[in-house]
Full PDB file with SEQRES, HELIX, SHEET, SSBOND, CRYST1, ORIGX, SCALE, CONECT and MASTER records, all heavy atoms in Angstrom:
SEQRES   1 A   31  ALA ALA LEU GLY ALA THR THR VAL VAL LEU ALA LEU ALA          
SEQRES   2 A   31  ALA GLN PHE SER PRO ARG ARG ASP GLY VAL ARG PRO ARG          
SEQRES   3 A   31  ARG ARG GLY PHE THR                                          
HELIX    1 AA1 ALA A    2  GLN A   15  1                                  14    
CRYST1    1.000    1.000    1.000  90.00  90.00  90.00 P 1           1          
ORIGX1      1.000000  0.000000  0.000000        0.00000                         
ORIGX2      0.000000  1.000000  0.000000        0.00000                         
ORIGX3      0.000000  0.000000  1.000000        0.00000                         
SCALE1      1.000000  0.000000  0.000000        0.00000                         
SCALE2      0.000000  1.000000  0.000000        0.00000                         
SCALE3      0.000000  0.000000  1.000000        0.00000                         
ATOM      1  N   ALA A   1      25.859  -4.388  23.192  1.00  0.00           N  
ATOM      2  CA  ALA A   1      26.156  -4.338  21.753  1.00  0.00           C  
ATOM      3  C   ALA A   1      25.169  -5.249  20.960  1.00  0.00           C  
ATOM      4  O   ALA A   1      24.756  -4.906  19.879  1.00  0.00           O  
ATOM      5  CB  ALA A   1      27.602  -4.778  21.478  1.00  0.00           C  
ATOM      6  N   ALA A   2      24.830  -6.382  21.568  1.00  0.00           N  
ATOM      7  CA  ALA A   2      23.856  -7.263  20.933  1.00  0.00           C  
ATOM      8  C   ALA A   2      22.467  -6.600  20.802  1.00  0.00           C  
ATOM      9  O   ALA A   2      21.797  -6.706  19.768  1.00  0.00           O  
ATOM     10  CB  ALA A   2      23.727  -8.598  21.682  1.00  0.00           C  
ATOM     11  N   LEU A   3      22.064  -5.898  21.857  1.00  0.00           N  
ATOM     12  CA  LEU A   3      20.807  -5.170  21.798  1.00  0.00           C  
ATOM     13  C   LEU A   3      20.845  -4.036  20.788  1.00  0.00           C  
ATOM     14  O   LEU A   3      19.909  -3.840  20.018  1.00  0.00           O  
ATOM     15  CB  LEU A   3      20.463  -4.603  23.167  1.00  0.00           C  
ATOM     16  CG  LEU A   3      19.838  -5.563  24.195  1.00  0.00           C  
ATOM     17  CD1 LEU A   3      19.839  -4.965  25.562  1.00  0.00           C  
ATOM     18  CD2 LEU A   3      18.444  -5.903  23.741  1.00  0.00           C  
ATOM     19  N   GLY A   4      21.957  -3.338  20.749  1.00  0.00           N  
ATOM     20  CA  GLY A   4      22.114  -2.237  19.794  1.00  0.00           C  
ATOM     21  C   GLY A   4      22.138  -2.742  18.361  1.00  0.00           C  
ATOM     22  O   GLY A   4      21.510  -2.142  17.463  1.00  0.00           O  
ATOM     23  N   ALA A   5      22.844  -3.815  18.110  1.00  0.00           N  
ATOM     24  CA  ALA A   5      22.949  -4.361  16.735  1.00  0.00           C  
ATOM     25  C   ALA A   5      21.555  -4.876  16.278  1.00  0.00           C  
ATOM     26  O   ALA A   5      21.169  -4.669  15.137  1.00  0.00           O  
ATOM     27  CB  ALA A   5      23.949  -5.480  16.679  1.00  0.00           C  
ATOM     28  N   THR A   6      20.817  -5.542  17.176  1.00  0.00           N  
ATOM     29  CA  THR A   6      19.511  -5.996  16.843  1.00  0.00           C  
ATOM     30  C   THR A   6      18.558  -4.844  16.511  1.00  0.00           C  
ATOM     31  O   THR A   6      17.783  -4.883  15.573  1.00  0.00           O  
ATOM     32  CB  THR A   6      18.899  -6.833  18.000  1.00  0.00           C  
ATOM     33  OG1 THR A   6      19.802  -7.897  18.309  1.00  0.00           O  
ATOM     34  CG2 THR A   6      17.563  -7.406  17.630  1.00  0.00           C  
ATOM     35  N   THR A   7      18.651  -3.753  17.272  1.00  0.00           N  
ATOM     36  CA  THR A   7      17.842  -2.574  17.020  1.00  0.00           C  
ATOM     37  C   THR A   7      18.176  -1.964  15.659  1.00  0.00           C  
ATOM     38  O   THR A   7      17.276  -1.587  14.902  1.00  0.00           O  
ATOM     39  CB  THR A   7      18.064  -1.551  18.156  1.00  0.00           C  
ATOM     40  OG1 THR A   7      17.742  -2.162  19.399  1.00  0.00           O  
ATOM     41  CG2 THR A   7      17.225  -0.334  17.945  1.00  0.00           C  
ATOM     42  N   VAL A   8      19.455  -1.851  15.337  1.00  0.00           N  
ATOM     43  CA  VAL A   8      19.894  -1.253  14.072  1.00  0.00           C  
ATOM     44  C   VAL A   8      19.411  -2.143  12.911  1.00  0.00           C  
ATOM     45  O   VAL A   8      18.878  -1.646  11.883  1.00  0.00           O  
ATOM     46  CB  VAL A   8      21.413  -1.044  14.032  1.00  0.00           C  
ATOM     47  CG1 VAL A   8      21.876  -0.705  12.640  1.00  0.00           C  
ATOM     48  CG2 VAL A   8      21.785   0.055  14.997  1.00  0.00           C  
ATOM     49  N   VAL A   9      19.540  -3.453  13.061  1.00  0.00           N  
ATOM     50  CA  VAL A   9      19.101  -4.343  11.985  1.00  0.00           C  
ATOM     51  C   VAL A   9      17.587  -4.265  11.744  1.00  0.00           C  
ATOM     52  O   VAL A   9      17.127  -4.206  10.590  1.00  0.00           O  
ATOM     53  CB  VAL A   9      19.527  -5.799  12.286  1.00  0.00           C  
ATOM     54  CG1 VAL A   9      18.821  -6.789  11.369  1.00  0.00           C  
ATOM     55  CG2 VAL A   9      21.030  -5.911  12.126  1.00  0.00           C  
ATOM     56  N   LEU A  10      16.814  -4.188  12.813  1.00  0.00           N  
ATOM     57  CA  LEU A  10      15.368  -4.043  12.673  1.00  0.00           C  
ATOM     58  C   LEU A  10      14.987  -2.744  12.024  1.00  0.00           C  
ATOM     59  O   LEU A  10      14.088  -2.699  11.156  1.00  0.00           O  
ATOM     60  CB  LEU A  10      14.693  -4.176  14.040  1.00  0.00           C  
ATOM     61  CG  LEU A  10      14.582  -5.558  14.648  1.00  0.00           C  
ATOM     62  CD1 LEU A  10      14.045  -5.485  16.069  1.00  0.00           C  
ATOM     63  CD2 LEU A  10      13.714  -6.440  13.805  1.00  0.00           C  
ATOM     64  N   ALA A  11      15.641  -1.674  12.420  1.00  0.00           N  
ATOM     65  CA  ALA A  11      15.329  -0.357  11.798  1.00  0.00           C  
ATOM     66  C   ALA A  11      15.708  -0.308  10.363  1.00  0.00           C  
ATOM     67  O   ALA A  11      14.932   0.192   9.541  1.00  0.00           O  
ATOM     68  CB  ALA A  11      16.053   0.721  12.595  1.00  0.00           C  
ATOM     69  N   LEU A  12      16.865  -0.862  10.009  1.00  0.00           N  
ATOM     70  CA  LEU A  12      17.257  -0.864   8.590  1.00  0.00           C  
ATOM     71  C   LEU A  12      16.399  -1.809   7.756  1.00  0.00           C  
ATOM     72  O   LEU A  12      16.085  -1.486   6.582  1.00  0.00           O  
ATOM     73  CB  LEU A  12      18.728  -1.257   8.461  1.00  0.00           C  
ATOM     74  CG  LEU A  12      19.709  -0.219   8.937  1.00  0.00           C  
ATOM     75  CD1 LEU A  12      21.150  -0.764   8.870  1.00  0.00           C  
ATOM     76  CD2 LEU A  12      19.596   1.063   8.151  1.00  0.00           C  
ATOM     77  N   ALA A  13      15.987  -2.911   8.296  1.00  0.00           N  
ATOM     78  CA  ALA A  13      15.141  -3.833   7.544  1.00  0.00           C  
ATOM     79  C   ALA A  13      13.767  -3.200   7.265  1.00  0.00           C  
ATOM     80  O   ALA A  13      13.183  -3.399   6.209  1.00  0.00           O  
ATOM     81  CB  ALA A  13      14.945  -5.128   8.337  1.00  0.00           C  
ATOM     82  N   ALA A  14      13.258  -2.435   8.209  1.00  0.00           N  
ATOM     83  CA  ALA A  14      11.998  -1.758   7.990  1.00  0.00           C  
ATOM     84  C   ALA A  14      12.150  -0.606   6.979  1.00  0.00           C  
ATOM     85  O   ALA A  14      11.265  -0.373   6.170  1.00  0.00           O  
ATOM     86  CB  ALA A  14      11.468  -1.213   9.299  1.00  0.00           C  
ATOM     87  N   GLN A  15      13.263   0.082   7.001  1.00  0.00           N  
ATOM     88  CA  GLN A  15      13.458   1.190   6.124  1.00  0.00           C  
ATOM     89  C   GLN A  15      13.728   0.771   4.681  1.00  0.00           C  
ATOM     90  O   GLN A  15      13.251   1.394   3.730  1.00  0.00           O  
ATOM     91  CB  GLN A  15      14.650   2.049   6.604  1.00  0.00           C  
ATOM     92  CG  GLN A  15      14.873   3.293   5.727  1.00  0.00           C  
ATOM     93  CD  GLN A  15      16.002   4.107   6.269  1.00  0.00           C  
ATOM     94  OE1 GLN A  15      16.668   3.747   7.266  1.00  0.00           O  
ATOM     95  NE2 GLN A  15      16.238   5.229   5.633  1.00  0.00           N  
ATOM     96  N   PHE A  16      14.445  -0.303   4.492  1.00  0.00           N  
ATOM     97  CA  PHE A  16      14.850  -0.755   3.150  1.00  0.00           C  
ATOM     98  C   PHE A  16      14.110  -1.971   2.705  1.00  0.00           C  
ATOM     99  O   PHE A  16      14.654  -2.788   1.968  1.00  0.00           O  
ATOM    100  CB  PHE A  16      16.348  -0.955   3.081  1.00  0.00           C  
ATOM    101  CG  PHE A  16      17.138   0.277   3.268  1.00  0.00           C  
ATOM    102  CD1 PHE A  16      17.952   0.430   4.375  1.00  0.00           C  
ATOM    103  CD2 PHE A  16      17.042   1.319   2.360  1.00  0.00           C  
ATOM    104  CE1 PHE A  16      18.694   1.570   4.570  1.00  0.00           C  
ATOM    105  CE2 PHE A  16      17.763   2.477   2.551  1.00  0.00           C  
ATOM    106  CZ  PHE A  16      18.581   2.601   3.643  1.00  0.00           C  
ATOM    107  N   SER A  17      12.870  -2.172   3.130  1.00  0.00           N  
ATOM    108  CA  SER A  17      12.141  -3.309   2.627  1.00  0.00           C  
ATOM    109  C   SER A  17      11.873  -3.139   1.144  1.00  0.00           C  
ATOM    110  O   SER A  17      11.581  -2.039   0.700  1.00  0.00           O  
ATOM    111  CB  SER A  17      10.822  -3.477   3.428  1.00  0.00           C  
ATOM    112  OG  SER A  17       9.982  -2.353   3.225  1.00  0.00           O  
ATOM    113  N   PRO A  18      11.998  -4.188   0.357  1.00  0.00           N  
ATOM    114  CA  PRO A  18      11.961  -4.048  -1.104  1.00  0.00           C  
ATOM    115  C   PRO A  18      10.585  -3.662  -1.647  1.00  0.00           C  
ATOM    116  O   PRO A  18       9.602  -4.225  -1.283  1.00  0.00           O  
ATOM    117  CB  PRO A  18      12.363  -5.430  -1.595  1.00  0.00           C  
ATOM    118  CG  PRO A  18      12.061  -6.324  -0.477  1.00  0.00           C  
ATOM    119  CD  PRO A  18      12.197  -5.559   0.788  1.00  0.00           C  
ATOM    120  N   ARG A  19      10.584  -2.671  -2.522  1.00  0.00           N  
ATOM    121  CA  ARG A  19       9.431  -2.228  -3.274  1.00  0.00           C  
ATOM    122  C   ARG A  19       8.189  -2.084  -2.383  1.00  0.00           C  
ATOM    123  O   ARG A  19       7.137  -2.542  -2.727  1.00  0.00           O  
ATOM    124  CB  ARG A  19       9.127  -3.179  -4.413  1.00  0.00           C  
ATOM    125  CG  ARG A  19      10.203  -3.136  -5.506  1.00  0.00           C  
ATOM    126  CD  ARG A  19       9.845  -3.982  -6.619  1.00  0.00           C  
ATOM    127  NE  ARG A  19       8.621  -3.507  -7.243  1.00  0.00           N  
ATOM    128  CZ  ARG A  19       7.973  -4.121  -8.164  1.00  0.00           C  
ATOM    129  NH1 ARG A  19       8.408  -5.282  -8.575  1.00  0.00           N  
ATOM    130  NH2 ARG A  19       6.886  -3.635  -8.684  1.00  0.00           N  
ATOM    131  N   ARG A  20       8.346  -1.371  -1.257  1.00  0.00           N  
ATOM    132  CA  ARG A  20       7.204  -1.234  -0.386  1.00  0.00           C  
ATOM    133  C   ARG A  20       6.191  -0.188  -0.874  1.00  0.00           C  
ATOM    134  O   ARG A  20       5.089  -0.146  -0.384  1.00  0.00           O  
ATOM    135  CB  ARG A  20       7.665  -0.912   1.029  1.00  0.00           C  
ATOM    136  CG  ARG A  20       8.407   0.365   1.185  1.00  0.00           C  
ATOM    137  CD  ARG A  20       8.745   0.577   2.620  1.00  0.00           C  
ATOM    138  NE  ARG A  20       9.208   1.917   2.789  1.00  0.00           N  
ATOM    139  CZ  ARG A  20      10.462   2.253   2.983  1.00  0.00           C  
ATOM    140  NH1 ARG A  20      11.390   1.341   3.059  1.00  0.00           N  
ATOM    141  NH2 ARG A  20      10.816   3.518   3.147  1.00  0.00           N  
ATOM    142  N   ASP A  21       6.609   0.669  -1.806  1.00  0.00           N  
ATOM    143  CA  ASP A  21       5.649   1.652  -2.289  1.00  0.00           C  
ATOM    144  C   ASP A  21       4.987   1.270  -3.588  1.00  0.00           C  
ATOM    145  O   ASP A  21       4.135   1.968  -4.086  1.00  0.00           O  
ATOM    146  CB  ASP A  21       6.308   3.023  -2.445  1.00  0.00           C  
ATOM    147  CG  ASP A  21       7.544   2.981  -3.373  1.00  0.00           C  
ATOM    148  OD1 ASP A  21       7.857   1.886  -3.808  1.00  0.00           O  
ATOM    149  OD2 ASP A  21       8.098   4.043  -3.612  1.00  0.00           O  
ATOM    150  N   GLY A  22       5.374   0.130  -4.173  1.00  0.00           N  
ATOM    151  CA  GLY A  22       4.747  -0.364  -5.381  1.00  0.00           C  
ATOM    152  C   GLY A  22       5.234   0.299  -6.641  1.00  0.00           C  
ATOM    153  O   GLY A  22       4.763   0.021  -7.732  1.00  0.00           O  
ATOM    154  N   VAL A  23       6.238   1.198  -6.529  1.00  0.00           N  
ATOM    155  CA  VAL A  23       6.744   1.880  -7.706  1.00  0.00           C  
ATOM    156  C   VAL A  23       8.013   1.145  -8.154  1.00  0.00           C  
ATOM    157  O   VAL A  23       8.895   0.905  -7.364  1.00  0.00           O  
ATOM    158  CB  VAL A  23       7.074   3.351  -7.360  1.00  0.00           C  
ATOM    159  CG1 VAL A  23       7.662   4.055  -8.569  1.00  0.00           C  
ATOM    160  CG2 VAL A  23       5.838   4.059  -6.894  1.00  0.00           C  
ATOM    161  N   ARG A  24       8.070   0.867  -9.430  1.00  0.00           N  
ATOM    162  CA  ARG A  24       9.254   0.217  -9.971  1.00  0.00           C  
ATOM    163  C   ARG A  24      10.382   1.228 -10.096  1.00  0.00           C  
ATOM    164  O   ARG A  24      10.154   2.362 -10.491  1.00  0.00           O  
ATOM    165  CB  ARG A  24       8.951  -0.374 -11.327  1.00  0.00           C  
ATOM    166  CG  ARG A  24       8.036  -1.530 -11.273  1.00  0.00           C  
ATOM    167  CD  ARG A  24       7.902  -2.134 -12.626  1.00  0.00           C  
ATOM    168  NE  ARG A  24       6.947  -3.234 -12.573  1.00  0.00           N  
ATOM    169  CZ  ARG A  24       6.526  -3.883 -13.633  1.00  0.00           C  
ATOM    170  NH1 ARG A  24       6.929  -3.512 -14.823  1.00  0.00           N  
ATOM    171  NH2 ARG A  24       5.681  -4.881 -13.502  1.00  0.00           N  
ATOM    172  N   PRO A  25      11.602   0.809  -9.772  1.00  0.00           N  
ATOM    173  CA  PRO A  25      12.712   1.721  -9.932  1.00  0.00           C  
ATOM    174  C   PRO A  25      12.990   2.014 -11.418  1.00  0.00           C  
ATOM    175  O   PRO A  25      12.753   1.169 -12.239  1.00  0.00           O  
ATOM    176  CB  PRO A  25      13.888   1.018  -9.256  1.00  0.00           C  
ATOM    177  CG  PRO A  25      13.506  -0.401  -9.237  1.00  0.00           C  
ATOM    178  CD  PRO A  25      12.022  -0.438  -9.235  1.00  0.00           C  
ATOM    179  N   ARG A  26      13.506   3.212 -11.683  1.00  0.00           N  
ATOM    180  CA  ARG A  26      13.839   3.555 -13.069  1.00  0.00           C  
ATOM    181  C   ARG A  26      14.999   2.740 -13.534  1.00  0.00           C  
ATOM    182  O   ARG A  26      15.946   2.465 -12.789  1.00  0.00           O  
ATOM    183  CB  ARG A  26      14.179   5.005 -13.163  1.00  0.00           C  
ATOM    184  CG  ARG A  26      13.032   5.918 -13.200  1.00  0.00           C  
ATOM    185  CD  ARG A  26      13.493   7.284 -13.551  1.00  0.00           C  
ATOM    186  NE  ARG A  26      12.332   8.166 -13.644  1.00  0.00           N  
ATOM    187  CZ  ARG A  26      12.414   9.448 -13.775  1.00  0.00           C  
ATOM    188  NH1 ARG A  26      13.566  10.037 -13.817  1.00  0.00           N  
ATOM    189  NH2 ARG A  26      11.329  10.159 -13.871  1.00  0.00           N  
ATOM    190  N   ARG A  27      14.942   2.399 -14.799  1.00  0.00           N  
ATOM    191  CA  ARG A  27      16.101   1.702 -15.373  1.00  0.00           C  
ATOM    192  C   ARG A  27      17.189   2.666 -15.713  1.00  0.00           C  
ATOM    193  O   ARG A  27      16.927   3.759 -16.232  1.00  0.00           O  
ATOM    194  CB  ARG A  27      15.666   0.963 -16.658  1.00  0.00           C  
ATOM    195  CG  ARG A  27      14.730  -0.192 -16.352  1.00  0.00           C  
ATOM    196  CD  ARG A  27      14.271  -0.860 -17.597  1.00  0.00           C  
ATOM    197  NE  ARG A  27      15.407  -1.194 -18.471  1.00  0.00           N  
ATOM    198  CZ  ARG A  27      15.264  -1.623 -19.696  1.00  0.00           C  
ATOM    199  NH1 ARG A  27      14.101  -1.764 -20.214  1.00  0.00           N  
ATOM    200  NH2 ARG A  27      16.338  -1.911 -20.404  1.00  0.00           N  
ATOM    201  N   ARG A  28      18.365   2.311 -15.430  1.00  0.00           N  
ATOM    202  CA  ARG A  28      19.527   3.173 -15.760  1.00  0.00           C  
ATOM    203  C   ARG A  28      19.954   2.874 -17.171  1.00  0.00           C  
ATOM    204  O   ARG A  28      19.769   1.786 -17.703  1.00  0.00           O  
ATOM    205  CB  ARG A  28      20.686   2.898 -14.814  1.00  0.00           C  
ATOM    206  CG  ARG A  28      20.295   3.127 -13.363  1.00  0.00           C  
ATOM    207  CD  ARG A  28      20.378   4.536 -13.032  1.00  0.00           C  
ATOM    208  NE  ARG A  28      20.038   4.748 -11.611  1.00  0.00           N  
ATOM    209  CZ  ARG A  28      19.695   5.859 -11.109  1.00  0.00           C  
ATOM    210  NH1 ARG A  28      19.600   6.913 -11.866  1.00  0.00           N  
ATOM    211  NH2 ARG A  28      19.451   5.969  -9.825  1.00  0.00           N  
ATOM    212  N   GLY A  29      20.579   3.846 -17.809  1.00  0.00           N  
ATOM    213  CA  GLY A  29      21.134   3.628 -19.142  1.00  0.00           C  
ATOM    214  C   GLY A  29      20.084   3.948 -20.220  1.00  0.00           C  
ATOM    215  O   GLY A  29      18.995   4.448 -19.952  1.00  0.00           O  
ATOM    216  N   PHE A  30      20.499   3.674 -21.454  1.00  0.00           N  
ATOM    217  CA  PHE A  30      19.626   3.981 -22.588  1.00  0.00           C  
ATOM    218  C   PHE A  30      18.804   2.801 -22.985  1.00  0.00           C  
ATOM    219  O   PHE A  30      19.227   1.683 -23.011  1.00  0.00           O  
ATOM    220  CB  PHE A  30      20.515   4.376 -23.811  1.00  0.00           C  
ATOM    221  CG  PHE A  30      21.185   5.684 -23.672  1.00  0.00           C  
ATOM    222  CD1 PHE A  30      22.540   5.756 -23.393  1.00  0.00           C  
ATOM    223  CD2 PHE A  30      20.455   6.866 -23.786  1.00  0.00           C  
ATOM    224  CE1 PHE A  30      23.158   6.990 -23.260  1.00  0.00           C  
ATOM    225  CE2 PHE A  30      21.071   8.068 -23.649  1.00  0.00           C  
ATOM    226  CZ  PHE A  30      22.430   8.143 -23.384  1.00  0.00           C  
ATOM    227  N   THR A  31      17.569   3.078 -23.321  1.00  0.00           N  
ATOM    228  CA  THR A  31      16.740   2.073 -23.945  1.00  0.00           C  
ATOM    229  C   THR A  31      16.946   2.202 -25.452  1.00  0.00           C  
ATOM    230  O   THR A  31      17.507   3.173 -25.916  1.00  0.00           O  
ATOM    231  CB  THR A  31      15.234   2.247 -23.568  1.00  0.00           C  
ATOM    232  OG1 THR A  31      14.835   3.557 -24.047  1.00  0.00           O  
ATOM    233  CG2 THR A  31      15.041   2.144 -22.090  1.00  0.00           C  
TER     234      THR A  31                                                      
MASTER        0    0    0    1    0    0    0    6  233    1    0    3          
END                                                                             
């Protein structure tokens, strides 16, 4: 379970690294 959890955390950290494509997210709501 420790090996599996470490693997999942590494995979998710790589997938959801912040602003890795350099594109700013759209603002929600009205300007």
